[in-house]
């Protein structure tokens, strides 16, 4: 893997948030690749894992939100699982953000 510096951090350019988001998403879209079947979890499997994770975390953290809110999150994960289409799956960096100068 080749890593290259992309230039000045977006946070230092004085751009409004919508322009920063546009730059980030355009950059990420250039890196999208079809996801190889079998090597990564499917969208449905990831959504099902997320639903289970929500249930466990809600219980283990002492029910930090209403049951209704937790149920809604689980329902959204189930909806995502039902709509997952492996034919449209792409591999993309999942943690895009603007960098802050330290």
PDB file of N, CA and C in Angstrom:
ATOM      1  N   UNK A   1       0.838  -1.162   0.000  1.00  0.00           N
ATOM      2  CA  UNK A   1       0.000   0.000   0.000  1.00  0.00           C
ATOM      3  C   UNK A   1       0.885   1.228   0.000  1.00  0.00           C
ATOM      4  N   UNK A   2       0.570   2.140  -0.850  1.00  0.00           N
ATOM      5  CA  UNK A   2       1.282   3.403  -0.915  1.00  0.00           C
ATOM      6  C   UNK A   2       0.451   4.469  -0.233  1.00  0.00           C
ATOM      7  N   UNK A   3       1.034   5.119   0.737  1.00  0.00           N
ATOM      8  CA  UNK A   3       0.359   6.218   1.413  1.00  0.00           C
ATOM      9  C   UNK A   3       1.072   7.504   1.045  1.00  0.00           C
ATOM     10  N   UNK A   4       0.286   8.482   0.625  1.00  0.00           N
ATOM     11  CA  UNK A   4       0.859   9.763   0.266  1.00  0.00           C
ATOM     12  C   UNK A   4       0.140  10.871   0.995  1.00  0.00           C
ATOM     13  N   UNK A   5       0.856  11.894   1.308  1.00  0.00           N
ATOM     14  CA  UNK A   5       0.253  13.065   1.921  1.00  0.00           C
ATOM     15  C   UNK A   5      -0.665  13.717   0.887  1.00  0.00           C
ATOM     16  N   UNK A   6      -1.867  14.074   1.311  1.00  0.00           N
ATOM     17  CA  UNK A   6      -2.849  14.628   0.387  1.00  0.00           C
ATOM     18  C   UNK A   6      -2.759  16.140   0.246  1.00  0.00           C
ATOM     19  N   UNK A   7      -2.017  16.764   1.070  1.00  0.00           N
ATOM     20  CA  UNK A   7      -1.947  18.222   1.041  1.00  0.00           C
ATOM     21  C   UNK A   7      -2.314  18.776   2.399  1.00  0.00           C
ATOM     22  N   UNK A   8      -2.608  20.058   2.437  1.00  0.00           N
ATOM     23  CA  UNK A   8      -2.952  20.694   3.708  1.00  0.00           C
ATOM     24  C   UNK A   8      -4.250  20.102   4.258  1.00  0.00           C
ATOM     25  N   UNK A   9      -4.374  19.941   5.567  1.00  0.00           N
ATOM     26  CA  UNK A   9      -5.626  19.465   6.156  1.00  0.00           C
ATOM     27  C   UNK A   9      -6.776  20.411   5.805  1.00  0.00           C
ATOM     28  N   UNK A  10      -7.932  19.851   5.521  1.00  0.00           N
ATOM     29  CA  UNK A  10      -9.089  20.668   5.167  1.00  0.00           C
ATOM     30  C   UNK A  10      -9.406  21.711   6.231  1.00  0.00           C
ATOM     31  N   UNK A  11      -9.194  21.353   7.477  1.00  0.00           N
ATOM     32  CA  UNK A  11      -9.509  22.268   8.574  1.00  0.00           C
ATOM     33  C   UNK A  11      -8.702  23.562   8.505  1.00  0.00           C
ATOM     34  N   UNK A  12      -7.597  23.564   7.782  1.00  0.00           N
ATOM     35  CA  UNK A  12      -6.759  24.766   7.702  1.00  0.00           C
ATOM     36  C   UNK A  12      -7.076  25.629   6.492  1.00  0.00           C
ATOM     37  N   UNK A  13      -8.004  25.183   5.643  1.00  0.00           N
ATOM     38  CA  UNK A  13      -8.275  25.908   4.398  1.00  0.00           C
ATOM     39  C   UNK A  13      -9.348  26.986   4.534  1.00  0.00           C
ATOM     40  N   UNK A  14     -10.069  26.962   5.639  1.00  0.00           N
ATOM     41  CA  UNK A  14     -11.112  27.962   5.839  1.00  0.00           C
ATOM     42  C   UNK A  14     -12.363  27.716   5.005  1.00  0.00           C
ATOM     43  N   UNK A  15     -12.521  26.500   4.508  1.00  0.00           N
ATOM     44  CA  UNK A  15     -13.692  26.167   3.702  1.00  0.00           C
ATOM     45  C   UNK A  15     -14.905  25.955   4.591  1.00  0.00           C
ATOM     46  N   UNK A  16     -16.114  26.272   4.093  1.00  0.00           N
ATOM     47  CA  UNK A  16     -17.320  25.937   4.848  1.00  0.00           C
ATOM     48  C   UNK A  16     -17.517  24.414   4.874  1.00  0.00           C
ATOM     49  N   UNK A  17     -18.308  23.943   5.828  1.00  0.00           N
ATOM     50  CA  UNK A  17     -18.492  22.499   6.027  1.00  0.00           C
ATOM     51  C   UNK A  17     -18.981  21.795   4.770  1.00  0.00           C
ATOM     52  N   UNK A  18     -19.921  22.405   4.023  1.00  0.00           N
ATOM     53  CA  UNK A  18     -20.450  21.716   2.837  1.00  0.00           C
ATOM     54  C   UNK A  18     -19.374  21.520   1.771  1.00  0.00           C
ATOM     55  N   UNK A  19     -18.467  22.459   1.643  1.00  0.00           N
ATOM     56  CA  UNK A  19     -17.380  22.300   0.672  1.00  0.00           C
ATOM     57  C   UNK A  19     -16.406  21.218   1.129  1.00  0.00           C
ATOM     58  N   UNK A  20     -16.137  21.154   2.432  1.00  0.00           N
ATOM     59  CA  UNK A  20     -15.264  20.108   2.962  1.00  0.00           C
ATOM     60  C   UNK A  20     -15.875  18.731   2.727  1.00  0.00           C
ATOM     61  N   UNK A  21     -17.183  18.598   2.999  1.00  0.00           N
ATOM     62  CA  UNK A  21     -17.862  17.316   2.797  1.00  0.00           C
ATOM     63  C   UNK A  21     -17.821  16.905   1.338  1.00  0.00           C
ATOM     64  N   UNK A  22     -18.033  17.861   0.437  1.00  0.00           N
ATOM     65  CA  UNK A  22     -17.970  17.569  -0.992  1.00  0.00           C
ATOM     66  C   UNK A  22     -16.580  17.071  -1.379  1.00  0.00           C
ATOM     67  N   UNK A  23     -15.542  17.703  -0.867  1.00  0.00           N
ATOM     68  CA  UNK A  23     -14.165  17.284  -1.176  1.00  0.00           C
ATOM     69  C   UNK A  23     -13.879  15.887  -0.624  1.00  0.00           C
ATOM     70  N   UNK A  24     -14.326  15.630   0.593  1.00  0.00           N
ATOM     71  CA  UNK A  24     -14.087  14.319   1.208  1.00  0.00           C
ATOM     72  C   UNK A  24     -14.805  13.228   0.426  1.00  0.00           C
ATOM     73  N   UNK A  25     -16.090  13.440   0.124  1.00  0.00           N
ATOM     74  CA  UNK A  25     -16.844  12.394  -0.570  1.00  0.00           C
ATOM     75  C   UNK A  25     -16.337  12.168  -1.985  1.00  0.00           C
ATOM     76  N   UNK A  26     -15.928  13.223  -2.676  1.00  0.00           N
ATOM     77  CA  UNK A  26     -15.388  13.057  -4.028  1.00  0.00           C
ATOM     78  C   UNK A  26     -14.085  12.249  -3.984  1.00  0.00           C
ATOM     79  N   UNK A  27     -13.263  12.512  -2.992  1.00  0.00           N
ATOM     80  CA  UNK A  27     -12.007  11.768  -2.853  1.00  0.00           C
ATOM     81  C   UNK A  27     -12.278  10.298  -2.549  1.00  0.00           C
ATOM     82  N   UNK A  28     -13.197  10.027  -1.629  1.00  0.00           N
ATOM     83  CA  UNK A  28     -13.518   8.644  -1.282  1.00  0.00           C
ATOM     84  C   UNK A  28     -14.111   7.895  -2.462  1.00  0.00           C
ATOM     85  N   UNK A  29     -14.985   8.548  -3.213  1.00  0.00           N
ATOM     86  CA  UNK A  29     -15.628   7.884  -4.358  1.00  0.00           C
ATOM     87  C   UNK A  29     -14.595   7.410  -5.377  1.00  0.00           C
ATOM     88  N   UNK A  30     -13.502   8.119  -5.506  1.00  0.00           N
ATOM     89  CA  UNK A  30     -12.452   7.708  -6.453  1.00  0.00           C
ATOM     90  C   UNK A  30     -11.795   6.400  -6.035  1.00  0.00           C
ATOM     91  N   UNK A  31     -11.879   6.061  -4.739  1.00  0.00           N
ATOM     92  CA  UNK A  31     -11.250   4.842  -4.248  1.00  0.00           C
ATOM     93  C   UNK A  31     -12.183   3.646  -4.154  1.00  0.00           C
ATOM     94  N   UNK A  32     -13.447   3.816  -4.475  1.00  0.00           N
ATOM     95  CA  UNK A  32     -14.393   2.693  -4.392  1.00  0.00           C
ATOM     96  C   UNK A  32     -13.978   1.580  -5.326  1.00  0.00           C
ATOM     97  N   UNK A  33     -14.084   0.371  -4.846  1.00  0.00           N
ATOM     98  CA  UNK A  33     -13.786  -0.820  -5.642  1.00  0.00           C
ATOM     99  C   UNK A  33     -14.881  -1.848  -5.380  1.00  0.00           C
ATOM    100  N   UNK A  34     -15.228  -2.666  -6.363  1.00  0.00           N
ATOM    101  CA  UNK A  34     -16.185  -3.748  -6.075  1.00  0.00           C
ATOM    102  C   UNK A  34     -15.636  -4.618  -4.946  1.00  0.00           C
ATOM    103  N   UNK A  35     -16.499  -4.979  -4.022  1.00  0.00           N
ATOM    104  CA  UNK A  35     -16.080  -5.822  -2.903  1.00  0.00           C
ATOM    105  C   UNK A  35     -16.027  -7.272  -3.367  1.00  0.00           C
ATOM    106  N   UNK A  36     -14.936  -7.932  -3.084  1.00  0.00           N
ATOM    107  CA  UNK A  36     -14.781  -9.340  -3.451  1.00  0.00           C
ATOM    108  C   UNK A  36     -15.691 -10.186  -2.581  1.00  0.00           C
ATOM    109  N   UNK A  37     -16.491 -11.021  -3.194  1.00  0.00           N
ATOM    110  CA  UNK A  37     -17.376 -11.880  -2.413  1.00  0.00           C
ATOM    111  C   UNK A  37     -16.566 -12.903  -1.635  1.00  0.00           C
ATOM    112  N   UNK A  38     -16.994 -13.160  -0.407  1.00  0.00           N
ATOM    113  CA  UNK A  38     -16.347 -14.161   0.410  1.00  0.00           C
ATOM    114  C   UNK A  38     -15.222 -13.656   1.287  1.00  0.00           C
ATOM    115  N   UNK A  39     -14.638 -12.529   0.965  1.00  0.00           N
ATOM    116  CA  UNK A  39     -13.513 -12.035   1.750  1.00  0.00           C
ATOM    117  C   UNK A  39     -13.934 -11.101   2.875  1.00  0.00           C
ATOM    118  N   UNK A  40     -15.072 -10.471   2.709  1.00  0.00           N
ATOM    119  CA  UNK A  40     -15.570  -9.528   3.704  1.00  0.00           C
ATOM    120  C   UNK A  40     -17.006  -9.892   4.057  1.00  0.00           C
ATOM    121  N   UNK A  41     -17.476  -9.461   5.234  1.00  0.00           N
ATOM    122  CA  UNK A  41     -18.877  -9.744   5.551  1.00  0.00           C
ATOM    123  C   UNK A  41     -19.798  -9.008   4.581  1.00  0.00           C
ATOM    124  N   UNK A  42     -20.927  -9.603   4.290  1.00  0.00           N
ATOM    125  CA  UNK A  42     -21.907  -8.938   3.427  1.00  0.00           C
ATOM    126  C   UNK A  42     -22.567  -7.807   4.201  1.00  0.00           C
ATOM    127  N   UNK A  43     -23.234  -6.924   3.474  1.00  0.00           N
ATOM    128  CA  UNK A  43     -23.979  -5.858   4.124  1.00  0.00           C
ATOM    129  C   UNK A  43     -25.036  -6.410   5.061  1.00  0.00           C
ATOM    130  N   UNK A  44     -25.692  -7.490   4.644  1.00  0.00           N
ATOM    131  CA  UNK A  44     -26.714  -8.109   5.481  1.00  0.00           C
ATOM    132  C   UNK A  44     -26.101  -8.675   6.758  1.00  0.00           C
ATOM    133  N   UNK A  45     -24.967  -9.355   6.638  1.00  0.00           N
ATOM    134  CA  UNK A  45     -24.311  -9.929   7.816  1.00  0.00           C
ATOM    135  C   UNK A  45     -23.851  -8.832   8.775  1.00  0.00           C
ATOM    136  N   UNK A  46     -23.318  -7.745   8.231  1.00  0.00           N
ATOM    137  CA  UNK A  46     -22.868  -6.630   9.065  1.00  0.00           C
ATOM    138  C   UNK A  46     -24.057  -5.991   9.789  1.00  0.00           C
ATOM    139  N   UNK A  47     -25.177  -5.822   9.092  1.00  0.00           N
ATOM    140  CA  UNK A  47     -26.371  -5.242   9.712  1.00  0.00           C
ATOM    141  C   UNK A  47     -26.921  -6.157  10.800  1.00  0.00           C
ATOM    142  N   UNK A  48     -26.893  -7.460  10.561  1.00  0.00           N
ATOM    143  CA  UNK A  48     -27.366  -8.409  11.574  1.00  0.00           C
ATOM    144  C   UNK A  48     -26.442  -8.392  12.798  1.00  0.00           C
ATOM    145  N   UNK A  49     -25.144  -8.293  12.570  1.00  0.00           N
ATOM    146  CA  UNK A  49     -24.197  -8.177  13.674  1.00  0.00           C
ATOM    147  C   UNK A  49     -24.485  -6.912  14.463  1.00  0.00           C
ATOM    148  N   UNK A  50     -24.733  -5.812  13.760  1.00  0.00           N
ATOM    149  CA  UNK A  50     -25.002  -4.540  14.420  1.00  0.00           C
ATOM    150  C   UNK A  50     -26.248  -4.632  15.301  1.00  0.00           C
ATOM    151  N   UNK A  51     -27.297  -5.259  14.808  1.00  0.00           N
ATOM    152  CA  UNK A  51     -28.523  -5.414  15.597  1.00  0.00           C
ATOM    153  C   UNK A  51     -28.231  -6.169  16.897  1.00  0.00           C
ATOM    154  N   UNK A  52     -27.457  -7.242  16.809  1.00  0.00           N
ATOM    155  CA  UNK A  52     -27.089  -7.992  18.005  1.00  0.00           C
ATOM    156  C   UNK A  52     -26.214  -7.182  18.945  1.00  0.00           C
ATOM    157  N   UNK A  53     -25.333  -6.388  18.371  1.00  0.00           N
ATOM    158  CA  UNK A  53     -24.446  -5.555  19.161  1.00  0.00           C
ATOM    159  C   UNK A  53     -25.236  -4.495  19.930  1.00  0.00           C
ATOM    160  N   UNK A  54     -26.230  -3.926  19.283  1.00  0.00           N
ATOM    161  CA  UNK A  54     -27.069  -2.916  19.943  1.00  0.00           C
ATOM    162  C   UNK A  54     -27.782  -3.538  21.140  1.00  0.00           C
ATOM    163  N   UNK A  55     -28.335  -4.714  20.927  1.00  0.00           N
ATOM    164  CA  UNK A  55     -29.051  -5.400  22.000  1.00  0.00           C
ATOM    165  C   UNK A  55     -28.132  -5.650  23.195  1.00  0.00           C
ATOM    166  N   UNK A  56     -26.957  -6.209  22.922  1.00  0.00           N
ATOM    167  CA  UNK A  56     -26.013  -6.500  23.995  1.00  0.00           C
ATOM    168  C   UNK A  56     -25.505  -5.251  24.689  1.00  0.00           C
ATOM    169  N   UNK A  57     -25.154  -4.239  23.915  1.00  0.00           N
ATOM    170  CA  UNK A  57     -24.627  -3.005  24.502  1.00  0.00           C
ATOM    171  C   UNK A  57     -25.694  -2.301  25.335  1.00  0.00           C
ATOM    172  N   UNK A  58     -26.916  -2.293  24.853  1.00  0.00           N
ATOM    173  CA  UNK A  58     -28.003  -1.645  25.592  1.00  0.00           C
ATOM    174  C   UNK A  58     -28.164  -2.297  26.967  1.00  0.00           C
ATOM    175  N   UNK A  59     -28.142  -3.605  26.971  1.00  0.00           N
ATOM    176  CA  UNK A  59     -28.273  -4.352  28.230  1.00  0.00           C
ATOM    177  C   UNK A  59     -27.031  -4.140  29.108  1.00  0.00           C
ATOM    178  N   UNK A  60     -25.849  -4.325  28.536  1.00  0.00           N
ATOM    179  CA  UNK A  60     -24.603  -4.267  29.308  1.00  0.00           C
ATOM    180  C   UNK A  60     -24.307  -2.873  29.866  1.00  0.00           C
ATOM    181  N   UNK A  61     -24.775  -1.847  29.194  1.00  0.00           N
ATOM    182  CA  UNK A  61     -24.539  -0.474  29.654  1.00  0.00           C
ATOM    183  C   UNK A  61     -25.633   0.023  30.600  1.00  0.00           C
ATOM    184  N   UNK A  62     -26.501  -0.876  31.009  1.00  0.00           N
ATOM    185  CA  UNK A  62     -27.533  -0.493  31.969  1.00  0.00           C
ATOM    186  C   UNK A  62     -28.695   0.263  31.348  1.00  0.00           C
ATOM    187  N   UNK A  63     -29.003  -0.060  30.091  1.00  0.00           N
ATOM    188  CA  UNK A  63     -30.142   0.547  29.382  1.00  0.00           C
ATOM    189  C   UNK A  63     -30.034   2.082  29.348  1.00  0.00           C
ATOM    190  N   UNK A  64     -28.995   2.599  28.679  1.00  0.00           N
ATOM    191  CA  UNK A  64     -28.723   4.038  28.703  1.00  0.00           C
ATOM    192  C   UNK A  64     -29.705   4.892  27.899  1.00  0.00           C
ATOM    193  N   UNK A  65     -30.581   4.265  27.153  1.00  0.00           N
ATOM    194  CA  UNK A  65     -31.604   4.993  26.405  1.00  0.00           C
ATOM    195  C   UNK A  65     -32.909   4.208  26.551  1.00  0.00           C
ATOM    196  N   UNK A  66     -33.971   4.763  26.044  1.00  0.00           N
ATOM    197  CA  UNK A  66     -35.248   4.065  26.159  1.00  0.00           C
ATOM    198  C   UNK A  66     -35.233   2.782  25.325  1.00  0.00           C
ATOM    199  N   UNK A  67     -36.060   1.856  25.728  1.00  0.00           N
ATOM    200  CA  UNK A  67     -36.190   0.625  24.957  1.00  0.00           C
ATOM    201  C   UNK A  67     -36.689   0.942  23.550  1.00  0.00           C
ATOM    202  N   UNK A  68     -37.552   1.931  23.444  1.00  0.00           N
ATOM    203  CA  UNK A  68     -38.070   2.339  22.131  1.00  0.00           C
ATOM    204  C   UNK A  68     -36.932   2.798  21.216  1.00  0.00           C
ATOM    205  N   UNK A  69     -36.007   3.585  21.741  1.00  0.00           N
ATOM    206  CA  UNK A  69     -34.877   4.059  20.930  1.00  0.00           C
ATOM    207  C   UNK A  69     -33.989   2.892  20.499  1.00  0.00           C
ATOM    208  N   UNK A  70     -33.717   1.973  21.414  1.00  0.00           N
ATOM    209  CA  UNK A  70     -32.905   0.804  21.069  1.00  0.00           C
ATOM    210  C   UNK A  70     -33.617  -0.047  20.026  1.00  0.00           C
ATOM    211  N   UNK A  71     -34.906  -0.232  20.184  1.00  0.00           N
ATOM    212  CA  UNK A  71     -35.691  -1.025  19.232  1.00  0.00           C
ATOM    213  C   UNK A  71     -35.670  -0.373  17.845  1.00  0.00           C
ATOM    214  N   UNK A  72     -35.755   0.956  17.805  1.00  0.00           N
ATOM    215  CA  UNK A  72     -35.710   1.650  16.513  1.00  0.00           C
ATOM    216  C   UNK A  72     -34.363   1.419  15.828  1.00  0.00           C
ATOM    217  N   UNK A  73     -33.274   1.483  16.583  1.00  0.00           N
ATOM    218  CA  UNK A  73     -31.952   1.233  16.004  1.00  0.00           C
ATOM    219  C   UNK A  73     -31.867  -0.190  15.456  1.00  0.00           C
ATOM    220  N   UNK A  74     -32.413  -1.141  16.198  1.00  0.00           N
ATOM    221  CA  UNK A  74     -32.424  -2.536  15.749  1.00  0.00           C
ATOM    222  C   UNK A  74     -33.281  -2.683  14.492  1.00  0.00           C
ATOM    223  N   UNK A  75     -34.423  -2.009  14.467  1.00  0.00           N
ATOM    224  CA  UNK A  75     -35.290  -2.049  13.281  1.00  0.00           C
ATOM    225  C   UNK A  75     -34.582  -1.467  12.060  1.00  0.00           C
ATOM    226  N   UNK A  76     -33.834  -0.384  12.251  1.00  0.00           N
ATOM    227  CA  UNK A  76     -33.083   0.198  11.130  1.00  0.00           C
ATOM    228  C   UNK A  76     -32.027  -0.782  10.615  1.00  0.00           C
ATOM    229  N   UNK A  77     -31.367  -1.476  11.527  1.00  0.00           N
ATOM    230  CA  UNK A  77     -30.371  -2.470  11.115  1.00  0.00           C
ATOM    231  C   UNK A  77     -31.047  -3.595  10.332  1.00  0.00           C
ATOM    232  N   UNK A  78     -32.223  -4.045  10.797  1.00  0.00           N
ATOM    233  CA  UNK A  78     -32.949  -5.107  10.088  1.00  0.00           C
ATOM    234  C   UNK A  78     -33.389  -4.631   8.706  1.00  0.00           C
ATOM    235  N   UNK A  79     -33.814  -3.376   8.614  1.00  0.00           N
ATOM    236  CA  UNK A  79     -34.192  -2.830   7.301  1.00  0.00           C
ATOM    237  C   UNK A  79     -32.980  -2.801   6.374  1.00  0.00           C
ATOM    238  N   UNK A  80     -31.844  -2.400   6.905  1.00  0.00           N
ATOM    239  CA  UNK A  80     -30.614  -2.365   6.102  1.00  0.00           C
ATOM    240  C   UNK A  80     -30.252  -3.768   5.631  1.00  0.00           C
ATOM    241  N   UNK A  81     -30.389  -4.751   6.516  1.00  0.00           N
ATOM    242  CA  UNK A  81     -30.081  -6.134   6.150  1.00  0.00           C
ATOM    243  C   UNK A  81     -30.987  -6.606   5.019  1.00  0.00           C
ATOM    244  N   UNK A  82     -32.260  -6.236   5.075  1.00  0.00           N
ATOM    245  CA  UNK A  82     -33.204  -6.691   4.055  1.00  0.00           C
ATOM    246  C   UNK A  82     -32.962  -6.029   2.700  1.00  0.00           C
ATOM    247  N   UNK A  83     -32.321  -4.869   2.706  1.00  0.00           N
ATOM    248  CA  UNK A  83     -32.073  -4.149   1.453  1.00  0.00           C
ATOM    249  C   UNK A  83     -30.669  -4.348   0.897  1.00  0.00           C
ATOM    250  N   UNK A  84     -29.852  -5.082   1.614  1.00  0.00           N
ATOM    251  CA  UNK A  84     -28.467  -5.283   1.171  1.00  0.00           C
ATOM    252  C   UNK A  84     -28.447  -6.041  -0.153  1.00  0.00           C
ATOM    253  N   UNK A  85     -27.653  -5.536  -1.078  1.00  0.00           N
ATOM    254  CA  UNK A  85     -27.521  -6.147  -2.400  1.00  0.00           C
ATOM    255  C   UNK A  85     -26.042  -6.390  -2.667  1.00  0.00           C
ATOM    256  N   UNK A  86     -25.590  -7.641  -2.570  1.00  0.00           N
ATOM    257  CA  UNK A  86     -24.170  -7.927  -2.785  1.00  0.00           C
ATOM    258  C   UNK A  86     -23.666  -7.449  -4.150  1.00  0.00           C
ATOM    259  N   UNK A  87     -24.551  -7.361  -5.118  1.00  0.00           N
ATOM    260  CA  UNK A  87     -24.142  -6.902  -6.438  1.00  0.00           C
ATOM    261  C   UNK A  87     -23.755  -5.432  -6.479  1.00  0.00           C
ATOM    262  N   UNK A  88     -24.179  -4.671  -5.476  1.00  0.00           N
ATOM    263  CA  UNK A  88     -23.848  -3.249  -5.415  1.00  0.00           C
ATOM    264  C   UNK A  88     -22.788  -2.942  -4.360  1.00  0.00           C
ATOM    265  N   UNK A  89     -22.233  -3.976  -3.740  1.00  0.00           N
ATOM    266  CA  UNK A  89     -21.282  -3.769  -2.651  1.00  0.00           C
ATOM    267  C   UNK A  89     -19.968  -3.194  -3.181  1.00  0.00           C
ATOM    268  N   UNK A  90     -19.454  -2.211  -2.460  1.00  0.00           N
ATOM    269  CA  UNK A  90     -18.162  -1.623  -2.787  1.00  0.00           C
ATOM    270  C   UNK A  90     -17.314  -1.567  -1.526  1.00  0.00           C
ATOM    271  N   UNK A  91     -16.024  -1.561  -1.723  1.00  0.00           N
ATOM    272  CA  UNK A  91     -15.071  -1.413  -0.632  1.00  0.00           C
ATOM    273  C   UNK A  91     -14.628   0.040  -0.627  1.00  0.00           C
ATOM    274  N   UNK A  92     -14.807   0.702   0.499  1.00  0.00           N
ATOM    275  CA  UNK A  92     -14.464   2.111   0.591  1.00  0.00           C
ATOM    276  C   UNK A  92     -13.987   2.404   2.009  1.00  0.00           C
ATOM    277  N   UNK A  93     -13.128   3.367   2.146  1.00  0.00           N
ATOM    278  CA  UNK A  93     -12.653   3.779   3.464  1.00  0.00           C
ATOM    279  C   UNK A  93     -13.856   4.238   4.276  1.00  0.00           C
ATOM    280  N   UNK A  94     -13.996   3.746   5.493  1.00  0.00           N
ATOM    281  CA  UNK A  94     -15.195   4.023   6.261  1.00  0.00           C
ATOM    282  C   UNK A  94     -15.041   5.044   7.357  1.00  0.00           C
ATOM    283  N   UNK A  95     -13.951   5.766   7.415  1.00  0.00           N
ATOM    284  CA  UNK A  95     -13.735   6.697   8.518  1.00  0.00           C
ATOM    285  C   UNK A  95     -13.235   8.033   7.985  1.00  0.00           C
ATOM    286  N   UNK A  96     -13.979   8.584   7.060  1.00  0.00           N
ATOM    287  CA  UNK A  96     -13.553   9.842   6.452  1.00  0.00           C
ATOM    288  C   UNK A  96     -13.831  11.003   7.404  1.00  0.00           C
ATOM    289  N   UNK A  97     -12.897  11.888   7.506  1.00  0.00           N
ATOM    290  CA  UNK A  97     -13.066  13.063   8.344  1.00  0.00           C
ATOM    291  C   UNK A  97     -12.008  14.074   7.944  1.00  0.00           C
ATOM    292  N   UNK A  98     -12.270  15.290   8.311  1.00  0.00           N
ATOM    293  CA  UNK A  98     -11.263  16.298   8.039  1.00  0.00           C
ATOM    294  C   UNK A  98     -10.201  16.188   9.124  1.00  0.00           C
ATOM    295  N   UNK A  99      -8.996  16.473   8.778  1.00  0.00           N
ATOM    296  CA  UNK A  99      -7.897  16.402   9.748  1.00  0.00           C
ATOM    297  C   UNK A  99      -7.722  17.751  10.415  1.00  0.00           C
ATOM    298  N   UNK A 100      -7.453  17.710  11.687  1.00  0.00           N
ATOM    299  CA  UNK A 100      -7.169  18.947  12.412  1.00  0.00           C
ATOM    300  C   UNK A 100      -5.663  19.087  12.557  1.00  0.00           C
ATOM    301  N   UNK A 101      -5.227  20.271  12.459  1.00  0.00           N
ATOM    302  CA  UNK A 101      -3.803  20.517  12.687  1.00  0.00           C
ATOM    303  C   UNK A 101      -3.531  20.394  14.176  1.00  0.00           C
ATOM    304  N   UNK A 102      -2.532  19.622  14.520  1.00  0.00           N
ATOM    305  CA  UNK A 102      -2.188  19.431  15.938  1.00  0.00           C
ATOM    306  C   UNK A 102      -1.152  20.413  16.392  1.00  0.00           C
TER     307      UNK A 102
END
